[in-house]
Amino acid sequence: MALRVARIPYLHAEPFYCDMERRGLVLYEMVPSAVAAALIDGEIDAGLVPVVDGWRYADRLQPVAGFCVATVQRSSHIFLYANQPIDTLSAMRIGVTSEAVTAVRLLDMLLQVRYGQQPSTFVTLQDTYDAFLLIGNDGVRRRGGARGYAHTYDLGAEWYAWTGLPLVTSRWMARQDMDPKAFAVLQDTLYVGLEVGVDAIYRIGEPRDELLMMPRDITRYIRHFRYFLKTAELQALERFQEYMLPLEADRAPAQG
């Protein structure tokens, strides 16, 4: 059976997929928040999983080498739009995209731990809110800000200013029961395809009208990303968990 892989439809994820269909892998387009459930349910065999979901299902999923999505100094695609400064968003209603997992946890820890604000209420983008969060291509399209919201914050830049570390948002994960031969094919496809894919992005000669980007904008954008875990990225993951776990404990319902 062909190896089934989730395809995240974001510009920064495109380099991963450039060689997959040629190698016989079958791609299923889905947003980040849907990937872990699809893996657990057996609908796919591998994909980019938000790091928060990767930790949650660590007993059922395995990392694919060190392949990841990380950004240095700023994310360029995870944005908070607010009508007042971020350090005054105490107990506010914040609209969040249903595509996000890691970004919501990041925003929560920035507000509570870095800025000492009272917990916010996260609602959907169809509700009323005082600020809202976008990621991926939606964030790219609104990188210049949102009408009616005086303040725009790149949460990757907020994280870097706080920790001095890159922001790791997702990792390639596969099912624990994946056939070892298929797992090896996936690793090789990522190693070879990623190098070719990043180069292909750099060579784009046409604008991406749907993202409001000229070729030079695309090149600048991709340069913010790192696709393999090194020492700094591993330290960043440890720090993220350190800040997140107490907030998760507070959020959990009381037992007894």
C-alpha atoms as a PDB file:
ATOM      1  CA  MET A   1       0.000   0.000   0.000  1.00  0.00           C
ATOM      2  CA  ALA A   2       1.224   3.476  -0.866  1.00  0.00           C
ATOM      3  CA  LEU A   3       2.544   5.642   1.954  1.00  0.00           C
ATOM      4  CA  ARG A   4      -0.102   8.203   2.918  1.00  0.00           C
ATOM      5  CA  VAL A   5       1.157  11.631   4.000  1.00  0.00           C
ATOM      6  CA  ALA A   6      -0.572  14.792   5.201  1.00  0.00           C
ATOM      7  CA  ARG A   7       0.148  17.848   3.084  1.00  0.00           C
ATOM      8  CA  ILE A   8      -0.013  21.172   4.928  1.00  0.00           C
ATOM      9  CA  PRO A   9      -1.138  23.839   2.399  1.00  0.00           C
ATOM     10  CA  TYR A  10       1.183  26.588   3.655  1.00  0.00           C
ATOM     11  CA  LEU A  11       3.956  28.237   1.663  1.00  0.00           C
ATOM     12  CA  HIS A  12       6.663  27.415   4.223  1.00  0.00           C
ATOM     13  CA  ALA A  13       5.751  23.703   4.122  1.00  0.00           C
ATOM     14  CA  GLU A  14       5.885  23.377   0.327  1.00  0.00           C
ATOM     15  CA  PRO A  15       9.571  22.346   0.122  1.00  0.00           C
ATOM     16  CA  PHE A  16       8.814  19.082   1.942  1.00  0.00           C
ATOM     17  CA  TYR A  17       6.452  17.794  -0.741  1.00  0.00           C
ATOM     18  CA  CYS A  18       8.252  18.532  -3.999  1.00  0.00           C
ATOM     19  CA  ASP A  19       9.472  14.946  -4.566  1.00  0.00           C
ATOM     20  CA  MET A  20       6.805  12.919  -2.802  1.00  0.00           C
ATOM     21  CA  GLU A  21       4.320  12.174  -5.554  1.00  0.00           C
ATOM     22  CA  ARG A  22       7.146  11.183  -7.912  1.00  0.00           C
ATOM     23  CA  ARG A  23       8.248   8.673  -5.260  1.00  0.00           C
ATOM     24  CA  GLY A  24       4.746   7.203  -5.069  1.00  0.00           C
ATOM     25  CA  LEU A  25       3.618   8.823  -1.824  1.00  0.00           C
ATOM     26  CA  VAL A  26      -0.058   9.822  -1.677  1.00  0.00           C
ATOM     27  CA  LEU A  27      -0.733  13.305  -0.294  1.00  0.00           C
ATOM     28  CA  TYR A  28      -3.838  14.302   1.674  1.00  0.00           C
ATOM     29  CA  GLU A  29      -4.268  18.038   2.171  1.00  0.00           C
ATOM     30  CA  MET A  30      -5.169  19.041   5.733  1.00  0.00           C
ATOM     31  CA  VAL A  31      -4.547  21.854   8.190  1.00  0.00           C
ATOM     32  CA  PRO A  32      -2.079  21.360  11.078  1.00  0.00           C
ATOM     33  CA  SER A  33      -4.749  20.867  13.743  1.00  0.00           C
ATOM     34  CA  ALA A  34      -6.167  17.863  11.840  1.00  0.00           C
ATOM     35  CA  VAL A  35      -2.960  15.878  11.327  1.00  0.00           C
ATOM     36  CA  ALA A  36      -2.560  14.161  14.702  1.00  0.00           C
ATOM     37  CA  ALA A  37      -6.132  12.862  14.733  1.00  0.00           C
ATOM     38  CA  ALA A  38      -5.738  11.555  11.177  1.00  0.00           C
ATOM     39  CA  LEU A  39      -2.596   9.692  12.252  1.00  0.00           C
ATOM     40  CA  ILE A  40      -4.228   8.212  15.340  1.00  0.00           C
ATOM     41  CA  ASP A  41      -7.288   7.158  13.331  1.00  0.00           C
ATOM     42  CA  GLY A  42      -5.114   5.465  10.698  1.00  0.00           C
ATOM     43  CA  GLU A  43      -6.197   7.744   7.863  1.00  0.00           C
ATOM     44  CA  ILE A  44      -2.583   8.681   7.100  1.00  0.00           C
ATOM     45  CA  ASP A  45       0.847   7.294   7.970  1.00  0.00           C
ATOM     46  CA  ALA A  46       2.903  10.467   8.515  1.00  0.00           C
ATOM     47  CA  GLY A  47       2.786  14.246   8.487  1.00  0.00           C
ATOM     48  CA  LEU A  48       3.812  17.517  10.061  1.00  0.00           C
ATOM     49  CA  VAL A  49       2.336  17.468  13.563  1.00  0.00           C
ATOM     50  CA  PRO A  50       2.096  20.519  15.850  1.00  0.00           C
ATOM     51  CA  VAL A  51       4.651  19.988  18.618  1.00  0.00           C
ATOM     52  CA  VAL A  52       1.911  20.194  21.253  1.00  0.00           C
ATOM     53  CA  ASP A  53       0.088  17.258  19.636  1.00  0.00           C
ATOM     54  CA  GLY A  54       3.372  15.404  19.216  1.00  0.00           C
ATOM     55  CA  TRP A  55       3.905  15.490  22.976  1.00  0.00           C
ATOM     56  CA  ARG A  56       0.283  14.548  23.658  1.00  0.00           C
ATOM     57  CA  TYR A  57       0.507  11.418  21.513  1.00  0.00           C
ATOM     58  CA  ALA A  58       4.150  10.525  22.148  1.00  0.00           C
ATOM     59  CA  ASP A  59       3.179   6.948  23.017  1.00  0.00           C
ATOM     60  CA  ARG A  60       1.539   6.432  19.615  1.00  0.00           C
ATOM     61  CA  LEU A  61       3.675   8.505  17.253  1.00  0.00           C
ATOM     62  CA  GLN A  62       7.378   8.571  16.426  1.00  0.00           C
ATOM     63  CA  PRO A  63       9.478  11.466  15.120  1.00  0.00           C
ATOM     64  CA  VAL A  64      10.886  11.206  11.607  1.00  0.00           C
ATOM     65  CA  ALA A  65      14.538  12.024  12.251  1.00  0.00           C
ATOM     66  CA  GLY A  66      14.816  15.717  13.172  1.00  0.00           C
ATOM     67  CA  PHE A  67      12.605  17.142  10.432  1.00  0.00           C
ATOM     68  CA  CYS A  68      10.615  20.095  11.696  1.00  0.00           C
ATOM     69  CA  VAL A  69       9.376  23.613  10.997  1.00  0.00           C
ATOM     70  CA  ALA A  70      11.189  26.258  13.024  1.00  0.00           C
ATOM     71  CA  THR A  71      11.774  29.971  12.639  1.00  0.00           C
ATOM     72  CA  VAL A  72      14.576  32.228  13.818  1.00  0.00           C
ATOM     73  CA  GLN A  73      13.918  35.711  15.261  1.00  0.00           C
ATOM     74  CA  ARG A  74      10.431  35.996  13.748  1.00  0.00           C
ATOM     75  CA  SER A  75       7.837  33.666  12.339  1.00  0.00           C
ATOM     76  CA  SER A  76       6.501  35.854   9.512  1.00  0.00           C
ATOM     77  CA  HIS A  77       3.247  33.853   9.587  1.00  0.00           C
ATOM     78  CA  ILE A  78       1.942  33.704  13.192  1.00  0.00           C
ATOM     79  CA  PHE A  79       0.319  37.028  13.979  1.00  0.00           C
ATOM     80  CA  LEU A  80      -1.780  38.462  16.779  1.00  0.00           C
ATOM     81  CA  TYR A  81      -3.911  41.482  15.888  1.00  0.00           C
ATOM     82  CA  ALA A  82      -5.124  43.545  18.836  1.00  0.00           C
ATOM     83  CA  ASN A  83      -6.784  46.862  19.546  1.00  0.00           C
ATOM     84  CA  GLN A  84      -4.486  47.483  22.507  1.00  0.00           C
ATOM     85  CA  PRO A  85      -0.906  46.507  23.490  1.00  0.00           C
ATOM     86  CA  ILE A  86      -0.193  42.828  24.124  1.00  0.00           C
ATOM     87  CA  ASP A  87       0.863  43.469  27.732  1.00  0.00           C
ATOM     88  CA  THR A  88      -2.614  44.831  28.521  1.00  0.00           C
ATOM     89  CA  LEU A  89      -4.674  41.931  27.107  1.00  0.00           C
ATOM     90  CA  SER A  90      -5.724  40.631  30.506  1.00  0.00           C
ATOM     91  CA  ALA A  91      -8.775  38.310  30.568  1.00  0.00           C
ATOM     92  CA  MET A  92      -9.706  39.314  27.016  1.00  0.00           C
ATOM     93  CA  ARG A  93     -11.639  37.380  24.397  1.00  0.00           C
ATOM     94  CA  ILE A  94      -9.242  36.304  21.656  1.00  0.00           C
ATOM     95  CA  GLY A  95     -10.363  34.771  18.397  1.00  0.00           C
ATOM     96  CA  VAL A  96      -8.159  31.923  17.211  1.00  0.00           C
ATOM     97  CA  THR A  97      -8.071  30.057  13.937  1.00  0.00           C
ATOM     98  CA  SER A  98      -9.194  26.443  14.060  1.00  0.00           C
ATOM     99  CA  GLU A  99      -6.028  25.530  12.121  1.00  0.00           C
ATOM    100  CA  ALA A 100      -3.736  26.377  15.049  1.00  0.00           C
ATOM    101  CA  VAL A 101      -2.555  24.240  17.971  1.00  0.00           C
ATOM    102  CA  THR A 102       0.982  25.253  18.940  1.00  0.00           C
ATOM    103  CA  ALA A 103       0.344  28.944  18.214  1.00  0.00           C
ATOM    104  CA  VAL A 104      -2.550  29.053  20.674  1.00  0.00           C
ATOM    105  CA  ARG A 105      -0.388  27.566  23.443  1.00  0.00           C
ATOM    106  CA  LEU A 106       2.373  30.019  22.550  1.00  0.00           C
ATOM    107  CA  LEU A 107       0.002  32.963  22.807  1.00  0.00           C
ATOM    108  CA  ASP A 108      -1.320  31.698  26.135  1.00  0.00           C
ATOM    109  CA  MET A 109       2.168  31.469  27.666  1.00  0.00           C
ATOM    110  CA  LEU A 110       3.234  34.835  26.271  1.00  0.00           C
ATOM    111  CA  LEU A 111       0.228  36.523  27.829  1.00  0.00           C
ATOM    112  CA  GLN A 112       0.320  34.729  31.178  1.00  0.00           C
ATOM    113  CA  VAL A 113       3.995  33.964  31.781  1.00  0.00           C
ATOM    114  CA  ARG A 114       5.844  36.712  29.931  1.00  0.00           C
ATOM    115  CA  TYR A 115       3.390  39.559  30.465  1.00  0.00           C
ATOM    116  CA  GLY A 116       1.648  38.415  33.652  1.00  0.00           C
ATOM    117  CA  GLN A 117      -1.878  38.817  32.289  1.00  0.00           C
ATOM    118  CA  GLN A 118      -4.967  36.976  33.513  1.00  0.00           C
ATOM    119  CA  PRO A 119      -5.977  33.991  31.354  1.00  0.00           C
ATOM    120  CA  SER A 120      -7.763  34.892  28.155  1.00  0.00           C
ATOM    121  CA  THR A 121     -10.872  33.245  26.767  1.00  0.00           C
ATOM    122  CA  PHE A 122     -10.130  31.736  23.376  1.00  0.00           C
ATOM    123  CA  VAL A 123     -13.082  31.775  20.988  1.00  0.00           C
ATOM    124  CA  THR A 124     -13.603  31.044  17.306  1.00  0.00           C
ATOM    125  CA  LEU A 125     -13.156  33.634  14.589  1.00  0.00           C
ATOM    126  CA  GLN A 126     -16.929  33.595  14.133  1.00  0.00           C
ATOM    127  CA  ASP A 127     -17.432  34.968  17.663  1.00  0.00           C
ATOM    128  CA  THR A 128     -16.866  38.495  18.980  1.00  0.00           C
ATOM    129  CA  TYR A 129     -13.363  39.186  20.270  1.00  0.00           C
ATOM    130  CA  ASP A 130     -10.908  41.881  21.355  1.00  0.00           C
ATOM    131  CA  ALA A 131      -7.941  40.420  19.422  1.00  0.00           C
ATOM    132  CA  PHE A 132      -7.415  37.562  16.993  1.00  0.00           C
ATOM    133  CA  LEU A 133      -4.737  35.095  15.898  1.00  0.00           C
ATOM    134  CA  LEU A 134      -3.905  33.873  12.392  1.00  0.00           C
ATOM    135  CA  ILE A 135      -1.264  31.434  11.151  1.00  0.00           C
ATOM    136  CA  GLY A 136       0.050  30.040   7.882  1.00  0.00           C
ATOM    137  CA  ASN A 137      -1.048  31.555   4.591  1.00  0.00           C
ATOM    138  CA  ASP A 138      -3.793  33.575   6.296  1.00  0.00           C
ATOM    139  CA  GLY A 139      -1.127  35.200   8.465  1.00  0.00           C
ATOM    140  CA  VAL A 140       1.093  35.820   5.453  1.00  0.00           C
ATOM    141  CA  ARG A 141      -1.719  37.597   3.639  1.00  0.00           C
ATOM    142  CA  ARG A 142      -2.252  39.894   6.633  1.00  0.00           C
ATOM    143  CA  ARG A 143       1.410  40.385   7.512  1.00  0.00           C
ATOM    144  CA  GLY A 144       0.943  44.131   7.121  1.00  0.00           C
ATOM    145  CA  GLY A 145      -1.778  44.286   9.764  1.00  0.00           C
ATOM    146  CA  ALA A 146      -5.572  44.120  10.011  1.00  0.00           C
ATOM    147  CA  ARG A 147      -7.957  47.013   9.569  1.00  0.00           C
ATOM    148  CA  GLY A 148      -9.416  48.169  12.878  1.00  0.00           C
ATOM    149  CA  TYR A 149      -6.585  46.678  14.948  1.00  0.00           C
ATOM    150  CA  ALA A 150      -3.814  49.118  15.775  1.00  0.00           C
ATOM    151  CA  HIS A 151      -1.327  46.516  17.029  1.00  0.00           C
ATOM    152  CA  THR A 152       0.178  43.582  15.123  1.00  0.00           C
ATOM    153  CA  TYR A 153       2.510  41.122  16.846  1.00  0.00           C
ATOM    154  CA  ASP A 154       4.616  38.410  15.230  1.00  0.00           C
ATOM    155  CA  LEU A 155       4.534  35.738  17.937  1.00  0.00           C
ATOM    156  CA  GLY A 156       7.808  34.242  16.705  1.00  0.00           C
ATOM    157  CA  ALA A 157       9.460  37.606  17.315  1.00  0.00           C
ATOM    158  CA  GLU A 158       7.825  37.801  20.752  1.00  0.00           C
ATOM    159  CA  TRP A 159       9.167  34.339  21.605  1.00  0.00           C
ATOM    160  CA  TYR A 160      12.672  35.191  20.382  1.00  0.00           C
ATOM    161  CA  ALA A 161      12.756  38.491  22.293  1.00  0.00           C
ATOM    162  CA  TRP A 162      11.755  36.576  25.432  1.00  0.00           C
ATOM    163  CA  THR A 163      13.956  33.477  25.139  1.00  0.00           C
ATOM    164  CA  GLY A 164      16.609  34.187  22.509  1.00  0.00           C
ATOM    165  CA  LEU A 165      15.661  30.848  20.944  1.00  0.00           C
ATOM    166  CA  PRO A 166      14.070  29.787  17.657  1.00  0.00           C
ATOM    167  CA  LEU A 167      10.405  28.841  17.597  1.00  0.00           C
ATOM    168  CA  VAL A 168       9.648  25.219  16.697  1.00  0.00           C
ATOM    169  CA  THR A 169       6.017  24.848  15.696  1.00  0.00           C
ATOM    170  CA  SER A 170       5.803  21.333  14.247  1.00  0.00           C
ATOM    171  CA  ARG A 171       7.715  18.095  13.685  1.00  0.00           C
ATOM    172  CA  TRP A 172       7.417  15.304  11.171  1.00  0.00           C
ATOM    173  CA  MET A 173       5.806  12.350  12.923  1.00  0.00           C
ATOM    174  CA  ALA A 174       4.763   8.888  11.824  1.00  0.00           C
ATOM    175  CA  ARG A 175       2.655   6.145  13.318  1.00  0.00           C
ATOM    176  CA  GLN A 176       4.510   3.876  15.718  1.00  0.00           C
ATOM    177  CA  ASP A 177       3.445   0.822  13.712  1.00  0.00           C
ATOM    178  CA  MET A 178       4.740   2.099  10.372  1.00  0.00           C
ATOM    179  CA  ASP A 179       6.613  -0.518   8.390  1.00  0.00           C
ATOM    180  CA  PRO A 180      10.383   0.102   8.797  1.00  0.00           C
ATOM    181  CA  LYS A 181      10.933   0.018   5.035  1.00  0.00           C
ATOM    182  CA  ALA A 182       8.234   2.620   4.475  1.00  0.00           C
ATOM    183  CA  PHE A 183       9.716   4.711   7.272  1.00  0.00           C
ATOM    184  CA  ALA A 184      13.111   4.614   5.551  1.00  0.00           C
ATOM    185  CA  VAL A 185      11.533   5.682   2.248  1.00  0.00           C
ATOM    186  CA  LEU A 186       9.870   8.623   3.987  1.00  0.00           C
ATOM    187  CA  GLN A 187      13.134   9.747   5.588  1.00  0.00           C
ATOM    188  CA  ASP A 188      15.001   9.532   2.304  1.00  0.00           C
ATOM    189  CA  THR A 189      12.252  11.416   0.475  1.00  0.00           C
ATOM    190  CA  LEU A 190      12.407  14.214   3.043  1.00  0.00           C
ATOM    191  CA  TYR A 191      16.214  14.438   2.961  1.00  0.00           C
ATOM    192  CA  VAL A 192      16.415  14.564  -0.827  1.00  0.00           C
ATOM    193  CA  GLY A 193      13.214  16.450  -1.546  1.00  0.00           C
ATOM    194  CA  LEU A 194      13.737  19.163   1.048  1.00  0.00           C
ATOM    195  CA  GLU A 195      17.047  20.269  -0.459  1.00  0.00           C
ATOM    196  CA  VAL A 196      15.522  20.435  -3.923  1.00  0.00           C
ATOM    197  CA  GLY A 197      12.315  22.012  -2.630  1.00  0.00           C
ATOM    198  CA  VAL A 198      13.948  24.924  -0.830  1.00  0.00           C
ATOM    199  CA  ASP A 199      16.055  25.662  -3.898  1.00  0.00           C
ATOM    200  CA  ALA A 200      12.919  25.597  -6.043  1.00  0.00           C
ATOM    201  CA  ILE A 201      11.243  28.147  -3.768  1.00  0.00           C
ATOM    202  CA  TYR A 202      14.274  30.426  -4.096  1.00  0.00           C
ATOM    203  CA  ARG A 203      14.035  30.194  -7.874  1.00  0.00           C
ATOM    204  CA  ILE A 204      10.357  31.145  -8.130  1.00  0.00           C
ATOM    205  CA  GLY A 205      10.046  33.765 -10.827  1.00  0.00           C
ATOM    206  CA  GLU A 206       6.336  34.486 -10.604  1.00  0.00           C
ATOM    207  CA  PRO A 207       4.392  36.381  -7.926  1.00  0.00           C
ATOM    208  CA  ARG A 208       2.005  34.543  -5.623  1.00  0.00           C
ATOM    209  CA  ASP A 209      -1.035  36.754  -5.966  1.00  0.00           C
ATOM    210  CA  GLU A 210      -3.072  34.782  -3.425  1.00  0.00           C
ATOM    211  CA  LEU A 211      -0.430  35.620  -0.796  1.00  0.00           C
ATOM    212  CA  LEU A 212       0.239  39.185  -1.998  1.00  0.00           C
ATOM    213  CA  MET A 213       3.887  38.249  -2.521  1.00  0.00           C
ATOM    214  CA  MET A 214       6.431  39.056  -5.187  1.00  0.00           C
ATOM    215  CA  PRO A 215       9.317  36.585  -5.816  1.00  0.00           C
ATOM    216  CA  ARG A 216      11.662  38.618  -3.602  1.00  0.00           C
ATOM    217  CA  ASP A 217       9.075  38.465  -0.788  1.00  0.00           C
ATOM    218  CA  ILE A 218       8.908  34.680  -1.080  1.00  0.00           C
ATOM    219  CA  THR A 219      12.699  34.373  -0.903  1.00  0.00           C
ATOM    220  CA  ARG A 220      12.865  36.587   2.184  1.00  0.00           C
ATOM    221  CA  TYR A 221      10.053  34.623   3.791  1.00  0.00           C
ATOM    222  CA  ILE A 222      11.605  31.170   3.328  1.00  0.00           C
ATOM    223  CA  ARG A 223      14.939  32.362   4.726  1.00  0.00           C
ATOM    224  CA  HIS A 224      13.291  32.699   8.149  1.00  0.00           C
ATOM    225  CA  PHE A 225      12.708  28.933   8.347  1.00  0.00           C
ATOM    226  CA  ARG A 226      14.760  25.989   9.579  1.00  0.00           C
ATOM    227  CA  TYR A 227      13.715  22.463   8.698  1.00  0.00           C
ATOM    228  CA  PHE A 228      15.865  20.265  10.930  1.00  0.00           C
ATOM    229  CA  LEU A 229      16.360  20.202  14.690  1.00  0.00           C
ATOM    230  CA  LYS A 230      19.758  21.299  15.938  1.00  0.00           C
ATOM    231  CA  THR A 231      20.931  22.269  19.414  1.00  0.00           C
ATOM    232  CA  ALA A 232      19.095  25.595  19.558  1.00  0.00           C
ATOM    233  CA  GLU A 233      15.832  24.055  18.343  1.00  0.00           C
ATOM    234  CA  LEU A 234      16.049  21.251  20.919  1.00  0.00           C
ATOM    235  CA  GLN A 235      16.633  23.828  23.652  1.00  0.00           C
ATOM    236  CA  ALA A 236      13.643  25.761  22.370  1.00  0.00           C
ATOM    237  CA  LEU A 237      11.409  22.693  22.636  1.00  0.00           C
ATOM    238  CA  GLU A 238      12.530  22.130  26.226  1.00  0.00           C
ATOM    239  CA  ARG A 239      11.809  25.751  27.099  1.00  0.00           C
ATOM    240  CA  PHE A 240       8.398  25.627  25.431  1.00  0.00           C
ATOM    241  CA  GLN A 241       7.401  22.589  27.480  1.00  0.00           C
ATOM    242  CA  GLU A 242       8.759  24.181  30.652  1.00  0.00           C
ATOM    243  CA  TYR A 243       6.449  27.158  30.217  1.00  0.00           C
ATOM    244  CA  MET A 244       3.481  25.234  28.835  1.00  0.00           C
ATOM    245  CA  LEU A 245       3.084  22.389  31.319  1.00  0.00           C
ATOM    246  CA  PRO A 246       2.077  24.496  34.360  1.00  0.00           C
ATOM    247  CA  LEU A 247      -0.551  26.250  32.239  1.00  0.00           C
ATOM    248  CA  GLU A 248      -1.862  22.892  31.036  1.00  0.00           C
ATOM    249  CA  ALA A 249      -2.083  21.692  34.636  1.00  0.00           C
ATOM    250  CA  ASP A 250      -4.062  24.785  35.619  1.00  0.00           C
ATOM    251  CA  ARG A 251      -6.411  24.218  32.701  1.00  0.00           C
ATOM    252  CA  ALA A 252      -7.075  20.559  33.558  1.00  0.00           C
ATOM    253  CA  PRO A 253     -10.342  19.864  35.433  1.00  0.00           C
ATOM    254  CA  ALA A 254     -10.040  18.953  39.117  1.00  0.00           C
ATOM    255  CA  GLN A 255     -10.213  15.241  39.912  1.00  0.00           C
ATOM    256  CA  GLY A 256     -12.095  13.623  42.776  1.00  0.00           C
END
